[in-house]
PDB file of N, CA and C in Angstrom:
ATOM      1  N   MET A   1      44.973  27.138 -29.399  1.00  0.00           N
ATOM      2  CA  MET A   1      43.551  27.440 -29.510  1.00  0.00           C
ATOM      3  C   MET A   1      42.754  26.273 -28.908  1.00  0.00           C
ATOM      4  N   THR A   2      43.219  25.059 -29.085  1.00  0.00           N
ATOM      5  CA  THR A   2      42.464  23.898 -28.560  1.00  0.00           C
ATOM      6  C   THR A   2      42.374  24.001 -27.001  1.00  0.00           C
ATOM      7  N   ALA A   3      43.429  24.436 -26.386  1.00  0.00           N
ATOM      8  CA  ALA A   3      43.400  24.535 -24.922  1.00  0.00           C
ATOM      9  C   ALA A   3      42.384  25.498 -24.446  1.00  0.00           C
ATOM     10  N   ILE A   4      42.212  26.620 -25.164  1.00  0.00           N
ATOM     11  CA  ILE A   4      41.205  27.624 -24.768  1.00  0.00           C
ATOM     12  C   ILE A   4      39.806  27.007 -24.899  1.00  0.00           C
ATOM     13  N   TRP A   5      39.552  26.325 -25.987  1.00  0.00           N
ATOM     14  CA  TRP A   5      38.226  25.708 -26.166  1.00  0.00           C
ATOM     15  C   TRP A   5      37.969  24.612 -25.118  1.00  0.00           C
ATOM     16  N   ALA A   6      38.990  23.851 -24.816  1.00  0.00           N
ATOM     17  CA  ALA A   6      38.832  22.767 -23.788  1.00  0.00           C
ATOM     18  C   ALA A   6      38.463  23.390 -22.398  1.00  0.00           C
ATOM     19  N   ILE A   7      39.139  24.480 -22.062  1.00  0.00           N
ATOM     20  CA  ILE A   7      38.865  25.146 -20.812  1.00  0.00           C
ATOM     21  C   ILE A   7      37.462  25.757 -20.745  1.00  0.00           C
ATOM     22  N   LEU A   8      37.096  26.429 -21.875  1.00  0.00           N
ATOM     23  CA  LEU A   8      35.761  27.032 -21.922  1.00  0.00           C
ATOM     24  C   LEU A   8      34.628  25.955 -21.903  1.00  0.00           C
ATOM     25  N   ILE A   9      34.801  24.883 -22.609  1.00  0.00           N
ATOM     26  CA  ILE A   9      33.747  23.827 -22.597  1.00  0.00           C
ATOM     27  C   ILE A   9      33.721  23.176 -21.255  1.00  0.00           C
ATOM     28  N   GLY A  10      34.891  22.961 -20.648  1.00  0.00           N
ATOM     29  CA  GLY A  10      34.938  22.364 -19.286  1.00  0.00           C
ATOM     30  C   GLY A  10      34.214  23.279 -18.299  1.00  0.00           C
ATOM     31  N   ALA A  11      34.434  24.584 -18.392  1.00  0.00           N
ATOM     32  CA  ALA A  11      33.784  25.538 -17.517  1.00  0.00           C
ATOM     33  C   ALA A  11      32.221  25.544 -17.703  1.00  0.00           C
ATOM     34  N   ALA A  12      31.831  25.435 -18.945  1.00  0.00           N
ATOM     35  CA  ALA A  12      30.379  25.401 -19.215  1.00  0.00           C
ATOM     36  C   ALA A  12      29.742  24.123 -18.648  1.00  0.00           C
ATOM     37  N   VAL A  13      30.427  23.005 -18.784  1.00  0.00           N
ATOM     38  CA  VAL A  13      29.896  21.753 -18.218  1.00  0.00           C
ATOM     39  C   VAL A  13      29.818  21.842 -16.676  1.00  0.00           C
ATOM     40  N   ALA A  14      30.874  22.376 -16.113  1.00  0.00           N
ATOM     41  CA  ALA A  14      30.946  22.516 -14.645  1.00  0.00           C
ATOM     42  C   ALA A  14      29.824  23.433 -14.168  1.00  0.00           C
ATOM     43  N   TYR A  15      29.589  24.509 -14.902  1.00  0.00           N
ATOM     44  CA  TYR A  15      28.512  25.461 -14.529  1.00  0.00           C
ATOM     45  C   TYR A  15      27.161  24.774 -14.518  1.00  0.00           C
ATOM     46  N   VAL A  16      26.884  24.033 -15.590  1.00  0.00           N
ATOM     47  CA  VAL A  16      25.597  23.377 -15.667  1.00  0.00           C
ATOM     48  C   VAL A  16      25.459  22.321 -14.535  1.00  0.00           C
ATOM     49  N   LEU A  17      26.505  21.571 -14.292  1.00  0.00           N
ATOM     50  CA  LEU A  17      26.409  20.520 -13.257  1.00  0.00           C
ATOM     51  C   LEU A  17      26.240  21.132 -11.850  1.00  0.00           C
ATOM     52  N   THR A  18      26.943  22.225 -11.579  1.00  0.00           N
ATOM     53  CA  THR A  18      26.801  22.830 -10.275  1.00  0.00           C
ATOM     54  C   THR A  18      25.435  23.433 -10.116  1.00  0.00           C
ATOM     55  N   LYS A  19      24.842  24.013 -11.176  1.00  0.00           N
ATOM     56  CA  LYS A  19      23.527  24.578 -11.043  1.00  0.00           C
ATOM     57  C   LYS A  19      22.456  23.485 -10.900  1.00  0.00           C
ATOM     58  N   MET A  20      22.675  22.308 -11.537  1.00  0.00           N
ATOM     59  CA  MET A  20      21.732  21.226 -11.389  1.00  0.00           C
ATOM     60  C   MET A  20      21.786  20.687  -9.969  1.00  0.00           C
ATOM     61  N   GLY A  21      22.934  20.716  -9.320  1.00  0.00           N
ATOM     62  CA  GLY A  21      23.084  20.255  -7.977  1.00  0.00           C
ATOM     63  C   GLY A  21      22.836  21.356  -6.931  1.00  0.00           C
ATOM     64  N   GLU A  22      22.401  22.545  -7.419  1.00  0.00           N
ATOM     65  CA  GLU A  22      22.149  23.722  -6.559  1.00  0.00           C
ATOM     66  C   GLU A  22      23.328  24.063  -5.655  1.00  0.00           C
ATOM     67  N   GLN A  23      24.516  24.022  -6.221  1.00  0.00           N
ATOM     68  CA  GLN A  23      25.763  24.355  -5.543  1.00  0.00           C
ATOM     69  C   GLN A  23      26.310  25.625  -6.136  1.00  0.00           C
ATOM     70  N   PRO A  24      27.115  26.392  -5.374  1.00  0.00           N
ATOM     71  CA  PRO A  24      27.690  27.630  -5.916  1.00  0.00           C
ATOM     72  C   PRO A  24      28.780  27.267  -6.968  1.00  0.00           C
ATOM     73  N   PHE A  25      28.869  28.065  -7.985  1.00  0.00           N
ATOM     74  CA  PHE A  25      29.832  27.833  -9.064  1.00  0.00           C
ATOM     75  C   PHE A  25      31.148  28.521  -8.747  1.00  0.00           C
ATOM     76  N   ASP A  26      32.247  27.789  -8.824  1.00  0.00           N
ATOM     77  CA  ASP A  26      33.588  28.318  -8.576  1.00  0.00           C
ATOM     78  C   ASP A  26      34.377  28.272  -9.899  1.00  0.00           C
ATOM     79  N   LEU A  27      34.573  29.417 -10.516  1.00  0.00           N
ATOM     80  CA  LEU A  27      35.210  29.481 -11.804  1.00  0.00           C
ATOM     81  C   LEU A  27      36.706  29.053 -11.676  1.00  0.00           C
ATOM     82  N   ASN A  28      37.376  29.407 -10.642  1.00  0.00           N
ATOM     83  CA  ASN A  28      38.794  29.042 -10.496  1.00  0.00           C
ATOM     84  C   ASN A  28      38.961  27.547 -10.420  1.00  0.00           C
ATOM     85  N   GLN A  29      38.115  26.885  -9.682  1.00  0.00           N
ATOM     86  CA  GLN A  29      38.180  25.398  -9.571  1.00  0.00           C
ATOM     87  C   GLN A  29      37.895  24.784 -10.921  1.00  0.00           C
ATOM     88  N   SER A  30      36.927  25.345 -11.648  1.00  0.00           N
ATOM     89  CA  SER A  30      36.595  24.794 -12.950  1.00  0.00           C
ATOM     90  C   SER A  30      37.779  24.952 -13.934  1.00  0.00           C
ATOM     91  N   ILE A  31      38.372  26.067 -13.941  1.00  0.00           N
ATOM     92  CA  ILE A  31      39.503  26.288 -14.834  1.00  0.00           C
ATOM     93  C   ILE A  31      40.680  25.384 -14.488  1.00  0.00           C
ATOM     94  N   ALA A  32      40.950  25.210 -13.240  1.00  0.00           N
ATOM     95  CA  ALA A  32      42.038  24.353 -12.756  1.00  0.00           C
ATOM     96  C   ALA A  32      41.785  22.913 -13.177  1.00  0.00           C
ATOM     97  N   PHE A  33      40.563  22.439 -12.972  1.00  0.00           N
ATOM     98  CA  PHE A  33      40.221  21.077 -13.335  1.00  0.00           C
ATOM     99  C   PHE A  33      40.335  20.874 -14.844  1.00  0.00           C
ATOM    100  N   SER A  34      39.797  21.797 -15.618  1.00  0.00           N
ATOM    101  CA  SER A  34      39.878  21.718 -17.084  1.00  0.00           C
ATOM    102  C   SER A  34      41.345  21.690 -17.545  1.00  0.00           C
ATOM    103  N   ALA A  35      42.186  22.540 -16.964  1.00  0.00           N
ATOM    104  CA  ALA A  35      43.598  22.578 -17.374  1.00  0.00           C
ATOM    105  C   ALA A  35      44.305  21.225 -17.018  1.00  0.00           C
ATOM    106  N   ILE A  36      43.975  20.663 -15.894  1.00  0.00           N
ATOM    107  CA  ILE A  36      44.588  19.385 -15.474  1.00  0.00           C
ATOM    108  C   ILE A  36      44.160  18.253 -16.444  1.00  0.00           C
ATOM    109  N   VAL A  37      42.865  18.233 -16.754  1.00  0.00           N
ATOM    110  CA  VAL A  37      42.366  17.215 -17.696  1.00  0.00           C
ATOM    111  C   VAL A  37      43.033  17.414 -19.073  1.00  0.00           C
ATOM    112  N   PHE A  38      43.175  18.662 -19.526  1.00  0.00           N
ATOM    113  CA  PHE A  38      43.743  18.950 -20.817  1.00  0.00           C
ATOM    114  C   PHE A  38      45.198  18.451 -20.894  1.00  0.00           C
ATOM    115  N   VAL A  39      45.969  18.738 -19.827  1.00  0.00           N
ATOM    116  CA  VAL A  39      47.381  18.220 -19.765  1.00  0.00           C
ATOM    117  C   VAL A  39      47.427  16.724 -19.803  1.00  0.00           C
ATOM    118  N   PHE A  40      46.558  16.113 -18.998  1.00  0.00           N
ATOM    119  CA  PHE A  40      46.477  14.599 -18.963  1.00  0.00           C
ATOM    120  C   PHE A  40      46.209  14.043 -20.352  1.00  0.00           C
ATOM    121  N   LEU A  41      45.257  14.627 -21.042  1.00  0.00           N
ATOM    122  CA  LEU A  41      44.911  14.173 -22.406  1.00  0.00           C
ATOM    123  C   LEU A  41      46.092  14.376 -23.371  1.00  0.00           C
ATOM    124  N   LEU A  42      46.798  15.475 -23.234  1.00  0.00           N
ATOM    125  CA  LEU A  42      47.985  15.690 -24.082  1.00  0.00           C
ATOM    126  C   LEU A  42      49.037  14.610 -23.865  1.00  0.00           C
ATOM    127  N   ILE A  43      49.257  14.242 -22.594  1.00  0.00           N
ATOM    128  CA  ILE A  43      50.196  13.187 -22.257  1.00  0.00           C
ATOM    129  C   ILE A  43      49.767  11.863 -22.858  1.00  0.00           C
ATOM    130  N   VAL A  44      48.500  11.529 -22.734  1.00  0.00           N
ATOM    131  CA  VAL A  44      47.978  10.253 -23.282  1.00  0.00           C
ATOM    132  C   VAL A  44      48.107  10.285 -24.833  1.00  0.00           C
ATOM    133  N   ASP A  45      47.782  11.387 -25.450  1.00  0.00           N
ATOM    134  CA  ASP A  45      47.897  11.475 -26.896  1.00  0.00           C
ATOM    135  C   ASP A  45      49.352  11.306 -27.327  1.00  0.00           C
ATOM    136  N   PHE A  46      50.258  11.930 -26.642  1.00  0.00           N
ATOM    137  CA  PHE A  46      51.695  11.819 -26.954  1.00  0.00           C
ATOM    138  C   PHE A  46      52.150  10.368 -26.809  1.00  0.00           C
ATOM    139  N   ALA A  47      51.733   9.732 -25.771  1.00  0.00           N
ATOM    140  CA  ALA A  47      52.127   8.310 -25.514  1.00  0.00           C
ATOM    141  C   ALA A  47      51.578   7.407 -26.591  1.00  0.00           C
ATOM    142  N   LEU A  48      50.332   7.621 -26.995  1.00  0.00           N
ATOM    143  CA  LEU A  48      49.700   6.764 -28.030  1.00  0.00           C
ATOM    144  C   LEU A  48      50.370   6.997 -29.395  1.00  0.00           C
ATOM    145  N   ASN A  49      50.647   8.236 -29.725  1.00  0.00           N
ATOM    146  CA  ASN A  49      51.283   8.514 -31.014  1.00  0.00           C
ATOM    147  C   ASN A  49      52.740   8.016 -31.019  1.00  0.00           C
ATOM    148  N   ARG A  50      53.395   8.024 -29.928  1.00  0.00           N
ATOM    149  CA  ARG A  50      54.758   7.505 -29.832  1.00  0.00           C
ATOM    150  C   ARG A  50      54.802   6.010 -30.099  1.00  0.00           C
ATOM    151  N   ASN A  51      53.793   5.283 -29.612  1.00  0.00           N
ATOM    152  CA  ASN A  51      53.702   3.878 -29.876  1.00  0.00           C
ATOM    153  C   ASN A  51      53.459   3.547 -31.322  1.00  0.00           C
ATOM    154  N   LYS A  52      52.646   4.374 -31.993  1.00  0.00           N
ATOM    155  CA  LYS A  52      52.398   4.177 -33.442  1.00  0.00           C
ATOM    156  C   LYS A  52      53.687   4.352 -34.228  1.00  0.00           C
ATOM    157  N   VAL A  53      54.499   5.310 -33.918  1.00  0.00           N
ATOM    158  CA  VAL A  53      55.748   5.611 -34.654  1.00  0.00           C
ATOM    159  C   VAL A  53      56.690   4.444 -34.465  1.00  0.00           C
ATOM    160  N   GLN A  54      56.790   3.853 -33.280  1.00  0.00           N
ATOM    161  CA  GLN A  54      57.710   2.782 -33.044  1.00  0.00           C
ATOM    162  C   GLN A  54      57.322   1.543 -33.757  1.00  0.00           C
ATOM    163  N   ASN A  55      56.035   1.313 -33.959  1.00  0.00           N
ATOM    164  CA  ASN A  55      55.590   0.063 -34.648  1.00  0.00           C
ATOM    165  C   ASN A  55      55.657   0.226 -36.080  1.00  0.00           C
TER     166      ASN A  55
END
């Protein structure tokens, strides 16, 4: 469920920013970027939690 919310919020932010810059909105690009950021944050979270367990 968190992934869905992350993608939707990312799409909303991308929509607002593209409209402020008077650029066309590309939903596919927005979803791809949100998914990449979500995966990156999962990796960072996993790495940080792994360090806590080892200490």
